[in-house]
C-alpha atoms as a PDB file:
ATOM      1  CA  MET A   1      25.105 -83.340   0.538  1.00  0.00           C
ATOM      2  CA  PRO A   2      28.720 -82.408   1.477  1.00  0.00           C
ATOM      3  CA  ASP A   3      29.558 -79.781   4.104  1.00  0.00           C
ATOM      4  CA  PHE A   4      31.896 -78.039   1.648  1.00  0.00           C
ATOM      5  CA  ILE A   5      31.811 -77.283  -2.040  1.00  0.00           C
ATOM      6  CA  ILE A   6      34.666 -76.530  -4.404  1.00  0.00           C
ATOM      7  CA  LEU A   7      34.463 -73.289  -6.384  1.00  0.00           C
ATOM      8  CA  THR A   8      36.987 -72.639  -9.120  1.00  0.00           C
ATOM      9  CA  ILE A   9      38.679 -69.289  -9.618  1.00  0.00           C
ATOM     10  CA  PRO A  10      39.311 -69.107 -13.387  1.00  0.00           C
ATOM     11  CA  VAL A  11      42.509 -68.092 -15.181  1.00  0.00           C
ATOM     12  CA  LYS A  12      40.924 -64.734 -16.079  1.00  0.00           C
ATOM     13  CA  LYS A  13      40.319 -63.326 -12.605  1.00  0.00           C
ATOM     14  CA  LYS A  14      37.690 -60.813 -11.578  1.00  0.00           C
ATOM     15  CA  ILE A  15      39.660 -58.367  -9.445  1.00  0.00           C
ATOM     16  CA  ALA A  16      38.166 -55.706  -7.160  1.00  0.00           C
ATOM     17  CA  LEU A  17      40.329 -52.613  -6.596  1.00  0.00           C
ATOM     18  CA  ILE A  18      39.601 -50.497  -3.528  1.00  0.00           C
ATOM     19  CA  ALA A  19      41.549 -47.825  -1.632  1.00  0.00           C
ATOM     20  CA  HIS A  20      40.927 -45.483   1.247  1.00  0.00           C
ATOM     21  CA  ASP A  21      41.421 -41.800   0.397  1.00  0.00           C
ATOM     22  CA  ASN A  22      45.008 -41.593   1.699  1.00  0.00           C
ATOM     23  CA  LYS A  23      45.941 -44.716  -0.290  1.00  0.00           C
ATOM     24  CA  LYS A  24      44.254 -43.986  -3.643  1.00  0.00           C
ATOM     25  CA  GLN A  25      47.381 -42.625  -5.327  1.00  0.00           C
ATOM     26  CA  ASP A  26      49.389 -45.604  -4.054  1.00  0.00           C
ATOM     27  CA  LEU A  27      46.859 -47.974  -5.643  1.00  0.00           C
ATOM     28  CA  VAL A  28      46.815 -46.013  -8.916  1.00  0.00           C
ATOM     29  CA  ASP A  29      50.632 -46.186  -9.023  1.00  0.00           C
ATOM     30  CA  TRP A  30      50.550 -49.916  -8.212  1.00  0.00           C
ATOM     31  CA  CYS A  31      48.002 -50.522 -10.990  1.00  0.00           C
ATOM     32  CA  ALA A  32      50.118 -48.585 -13.492  1.00  0.00           C
ATOM     33  CA  ARG A  33      53.188 -50.608 -12.522  1.00  0.00           C
ATOM     34  CA  ASN A  34      51.248 -53.884 -12.874  1.00  0.00           C
ATOM     35  CA  GLN A  35      49.158 -52.886 -15.885  1.00  0.00           C
ATOM     36  CA  GLU A  36      50.579 -55.647 -18.097  1.00  0.00           C
ATOM     37  CA  ILE A  37      49.206 -58.263 -15.685  1.00  0.00           C
ATOM     38  CA  LEU A  38      45.981 -56.465 -14.759  1.00  0.00           C
ATOM     39  CA  ILE A  39      44.759 -55.914 -18.338  1.00  0.00           C
ATOM     40  CA  ARG A  40      44.421 -59.697 -18.753  1.00  0.00           C
ATOM     41  CA  HIS A  41      41.763 -59.724 -16.048  1.00  0.00           C
ATOM     42  CA  GLU A  42      38.348 -58.204 -15.405  1.00  0.00           C
ATOM     43  CA  LEU A  43      38.603 -55.182 -13.103  1.00  0.00           C
ATOM     44  CA  CYS A  44      36.046 -53.468 -10.905  1.00  0.00           C
ATOM     45  CA  GLY A  45      36.288 -51.097  -7.969  1.00  0.00           C
ATOM     46  CA  THR A  46      34.581 -48.649  -5.725  1.00  0.00           C
ATOM     47  CA  GLY A  47      33.558 -45.334  -7.313  1.00  0.00           C
ATOM     48  CA  THR A  48      36.360 -42.811  -6.990  1.00  0.00           C
ATOM     49  CA  THR A  49      39.086 -45.449  -7.010  1.00  0.00           C
ATOM     50  CA  ALA A  50      37.763 -47.050 -10.222  1.00  0.00           C
ATOM     51  CA  MET A  51      37.460 -43.634 -11.882  1.00  0.00           C
ATOM     52  CA  LEU A  52      41.008 -42.618 -10.873  1.00  0.00           C
ATOM     53  CA  ILE A  53      42.560 -45.875 -12.095  1.00  0.00           C
ATOM     54  CA  THR A  54      40.702 -45.657 -15.415  1.00  0.00           C
ATOM     55  CA  GLY A  55      41.583 -41.981 -15.864  1.00  0.00           C
ATOM     56  CA  MET A  56      45.248 -42.310 -14.955  1.00  0.00           C
ATOM     57  CA  THR A  57      46.076 -45.694 -16.548  1.00  0.00           C
ATOM     58  CA  GLY A  58      43.539 -46.066 -19.348  1.00  0.00           C
ATOM     59  CA  MET A  59      42.506 -49.488 -18.015  1.00  0.00           C
ATOM     60  CA  THR A  60      38.814 -50.311 -17.948  1.00  0.00           C
ATOM     61  CA  VAL A  61      37.609 -50.590 -14.354  1.00  0.00           C
ATOM     62  CA  LYS A  62      33.887 -51.088 -13.772  1.00  0.00           C
ATOM     63  CA  GLY A  63      32.906 -48.661 -11.042  1.00  0.00           C
ATOM     64  CA  TYR A  64      30.438 -49.201  -8.237  1.00  0.00           C
ATOM     65  CA  ASN A  65      29.403 -46.658  -5.610  1.00  0.00           C
ATOM     66  CA  SER A  66      31.974 -44.911  -3.475  1.00  0.00           C
ATOM     67  CA  GLY A  67      32.866 -46.948  -0.362  1.00  0.00           C
ATOM     68  CA  PRO A  68      31.015 -44.715   2.132  1.00  0.00           C
ATOM     69  CA  LEU A  69      27.960 -44.786  -0.166  1.00  0.00           C
ATOM     70  CA  GLY A  70      27.731 -48.587  -0.266  1.00  0.00           C
ATOM     71  CA  GLY A  71      30.490 -49.533  -2.707  1.00  0.00           C
ATOM     72  CA  ASP A  72      32.194 -51.859  -0.227  1.00  0.00           C
ATOM     73  CA  GLN A  73      28.879 -53.635   0.264  1.00  0.00           C
ATOM     74  CA  GLN A  74      28.370 -53.881  -3.499  1.00  0.00           C
ATOM     75  CA  ILE A  75      31.775 -55.548  -3.859  1.00  0.00           C
ATOM     76  CA  GLY A  76      30.844 -57.894  -0.989  1.00  0.00           C
ATOM     77  CA  ALA A  77      27.634 -58.822  -2.802  1.00  0.00           C
ATOM     78  CA  LYS A  78      29.663 -59.557  -5.952  1.00  0.00           C
ATOM     79  CA  ILE A  79      31.851 -61.914  -3.904  1.00  0.00           C
ATOM     80  CA  VAL A  80      28.734 -63.772  -2.727  1.00  0.00           C
ATOM     81  CA  GLU A  81      27.470 -63.943  -6.333  1.00  0.00           C
ATOM     82  CA  GLY A  82      30.809 -65.378  -7.495  1.00  0.00           C
ATOM     83  CA  LYS A  83      31.619 -62.261  -9.525  1.00  0.00           C
ATOM     84  CA  VAL A  84      34.803 -61.259  -7.653  1.00  0.00           C
ATOM     85  CA  ASP A  85      37.766 -63.650  -7.388  1.00  0.00           C
ATOM     86  CA  LEU A  86      40.259 -61.522  -5.495  1.00  0.00           C
ATOM     87  CA  VAL A  87      40.404 -58.138  -3.789  1.00  0.00           C
ATOM     88  CA  ILE A  88      43.201 -55.578  -3.742  1.00  0.00           C
ATOM     89  CA  PHE A  89      42.273 -53.121  -0.983  1.00  0.00           C
ATOM     90  CA  PHE A  90      44.875 -50.543  -0.009  1.00  0.00           C
ATOM     91  CA  SER A  91      43.489 -49.660   3.404  1.00  0.00           C
ATOM     92  CA  ASP A  92      44.653 -46.871   5.673  1.00  0.00           C
ATOM     93  CA  PRO A  93      45.123 -48.292   9.177  1.00  0.00           C
ATOM     94  CA  LEU A  94      46.061 -44.904  10.652  1.00  0.00           C
ATOM     95  CA  THR A  95      42.919 -42.960   9.731  1.00  0.00           C
ATOM     96  CA  ALA A  96      39.442 -43.528  11.160  1.00  0.00           C
ATOM     97  CA  GLN A  97      36.939 -44.392   8.436  1.00  0.00           C
ATOM     98  CA  PRO A  98      33.262 -43.408   8.765  1.00  0.00           C
ATOM     99  CA  HIS A  99      32.263 -46.574   6.890  1.00  0.00           C
ATOM    100  CA  ASP A 100      34.468 -48.918   8.934  1.00  0.00           C
ATOM    101  CA  PRO A 101      31.595 -51.390   9.581  1.00  0.00           C
ATOM    102  CA  ASP A 102      31.196 -51.761   5.796  1.00  0.00           C
ATOM    103  CA  VAL A 103      34.935 -52.399   5.406  1.00  0.00           C
ATOM    104  CA  LYS A 104      34.826 -55.044   8.143  1.00  0.00           C
ATOM    105  CA  ALA A 105      31.811 -56.661   6.477  1.00  0.00           C
ATOM    106  CA  LEU A 106      33.659 -56.776   3.140  1.00  0.00           C
ATOM    107  CA  MET A 107      36.708 -58.357   4.739  1.00  0.00           C
ATOM    108  CA  ARG A 108      34.544 -60.876   6.596  1.00  0.00           C
ATOM    109  CA  ILE A 109      32.689 -61.928   3.438  1.00  0.00           C
ATOM    110  CA  ALA A 110      36.007 -62.311   1.582  1.00  0.00           C
ATOM    111  CA  GLN A 111      37.173 -64.637   4.362  1.00  0.00           C
ATOM    112  CA  VAL A 112      33.905 -66.600   4.409  1.00  0.00           C
ATOM    113  CA  TYR A 113      34.114 -67.180   0.653  1.00  0.00           C
ATOM    114  CA  ASP A 114      37.876 -67.901   0.729  1.00  0.00           C
ATOM    115  CA  ILE A 115      38.721 -64.945  -1.511  1.00  0.00           C
ATOM    116  CA  PRO A 116      42.331 -63.721  -1.518  1.00  0.00           C
ATOM    117  CA  ILE A 117      42.461 -60.167  -0.196  1.00  0.00           C
ATOM    118  CA  ALA A 118      45.519 -57.904  -0.110  1.00  0.00           C
ATOM    119  CA  THR A 119      45.333 -54.907   2.205  1.00  0.00           C
ATOM    120  CA  ASN A 120      48.754 -53.448   1.398  1.00  0.00           C
ATOM    121  CA  ARG A 121      51.271 -53.156  -1.455  1.00  0.00           C
ATOM    122  CA  ALA A 122      53.503 -56.047  -0.334  1.00  0.00           C
ATOM    123  CA  THR A 123      50.633 -58.524  -0.184  1.00  0.00           C
ATOM    124  CA  ALA A 124      49.260 -57.228  -3.485  1.00  0.00           C
ATOM    125  CA  ASP A 125      52.701 -57.751  -5.057  1.00  0.00           C
ATOM    126  CA  PHE A 126      52.801 -61.329  -3.771  1.00  0.00           C
ATOM    127  CA  LEU A 127      49.280 -62.037  -5.090  1.00  0.00           C
ATOM    128  CA  ILE A 128      49.742 -60.478  -8.508  1.00  0.00           C
ATOM    129  CA  THR A 129      53.045 -62.275  -9.138  1.00  0.00           C
ATOM    130  CA  SER A 130      51.878 -65.655  -7.855  1.00  0.00           C
ATOM    131  CA  PRO A 131      51.913 -68.492 -10.411  1.00  0.00           C
ATOM    132  CA  LEU A 132      48.241 -68.961  -9.469  1.00  0.00           C
ATOM    133  CA  MET A 133      47.413 -65.717 -11.307  1.00  0.00           C
ATOM    134  CA  ASN A 134      47.855 -67.694 -14.553  1.00  0.00           C
ATOM    135  CA  ALA A 135      46.029 -70.825 -13.431  1.00  0.00           C
ATOM    136  CA  THR A 136      42.679 -71.955 -12.167  1.00  0.00           C
ATOM    137  CA  TYR A 137      42.409 -72.392  -8.425  1.00  0.00           C
ATOM    138  CA  ASP A 138      39.914 -74.520  -6.517  1.00  0.00           C
ATOM    139  CA  ARG A 139      38.791 -72.977  -3.248  1.00  0.00           C
ATOM    140  CA  LYS A 140      36.848 -74.828  -0.569  1.00  0.00           C
ATOM    141  CA  VAL A 141      33.763 -73.004   0.683  1.00  0.00           C
ATOM    142  CA  VAL A 142      31.152 -73.979   3.243  1.00  0.00           C
ATOM    143  CA  ASN A 143      28.079 -75.447   1.558  1.00  0.00           C
ATOM    144  CA  PHE A 144      25.710 -72.746   2.793  1.00  0.00           C
ATOM    145  CA  ARG A 145      22.654 -74.412   1.289  1.00  0.00           C
ATOM    146  CA  ARG A 146      23.332 -77.502   3.403  1.00  0.00           C
ATOM    147  CA  ALA A 147      24.085 -75.392   6.499  1.00  0.00           C
ATOM    148  CA  VAL A 148      20.784 -73.508   6.170  1.00  0.00           C
ATOM    149  CA  SER A 149      18.872 -76.725   5.561  1.00  0.00           C
ATOM    150  CA  ARG A 150      20.468 -78.370   8.616  1.00  0.00           C
ATOM    151  CA  ARG A 151      19.769 -75.316  10.813  1.00  0.00           C
ATOM    152  CA  SER A 152      16.122 -75.162   9.654  1.00  0.00           C
ATOM    153  CA  GLN A 153      15.690 -78.837  10.470  1.00  0.00           C
ATOM    154  CA  GLU A 154      17.253 -78.384  13.922  1.00  0.00           C
ATOM    155  CA  MET A 155      14.906 -75.470  14.663  1.00  0.00           C
ATOM    156  CA  ALA A 156      11.889 -77.472  13.481  1.00  0.00           C
ATOM    157  CA  ASN A 157      12.939 -80.370  15.718  1.00  0.00           C
ATOM    158  CA  MET A 158      13.283 -78.008  18.705  1.00  0.00           C
ATOM    159  CA  ALA A 159       9.797 -76.622  18.083  1.00  0.00           C
ATOM    160  CA  ASP A 160       8.362 -80.149  17.953  1.00  0.00           C
ATOM    161  CA  ARG A 161       9.930 -80.995  21.337  1.00  0.00           C
ATOM    162  CA  GLU A 162       8.687 -77.820  23.018  1.00  0.00           C
ATOM    163  CA  PRO A 163       5.732 -78.469  25.376  1.00  0.00           C
ATOM    164  CA  ALA A 164       2.341 -77.448  23.989  1.00  0.00           C
ATOM    165  CA  GLU A 165       1.692 -74.941  26.793  1.00  0.00           C
ATOM    166  CA  LYS A 166       4.883 -73.050  25.927  1.00  0.00           C
ATOM    167  CA  ARG A 167       3.846 -72.705  22.278  1.00  0.00           C
ATOM    168  CA  ASN A 168       0.576 -70.980  23.220  1.00  0.00           C
END
């Protein structure tokens, strides 16, 4: 069993759209400006952001919970399930966020699963205009099934080597 597996991001991407409160209007404006590209893809987002984009652009954006109410974690779970291919997250680096641990967890899971993530307009512009937006893309991800199996075996081997008196 290989240590890595190849997962393919399809031509029709599943894009998560997220923005902190001070960046929501910026993301709505960015979506409106890039609507011609975005409508060819499947869109989802955290609660208020998804609702604002849908209301102000007419695009269909599947909404999850608001970020502070678990929406960031829901998007992270969708990444793990293979249901999000890239993330556009206009974050506000100058304002403390009460759900900062959730944001960090989302960013970590995007990195673990080799998901492109843009945290500002410039990076989002580069992603959305990349030739890869109109192509499949093979990403290399750790084979977690193998890693768990190997770790379980290592722990079982350690338990077998442990002296009997320590186990009691």
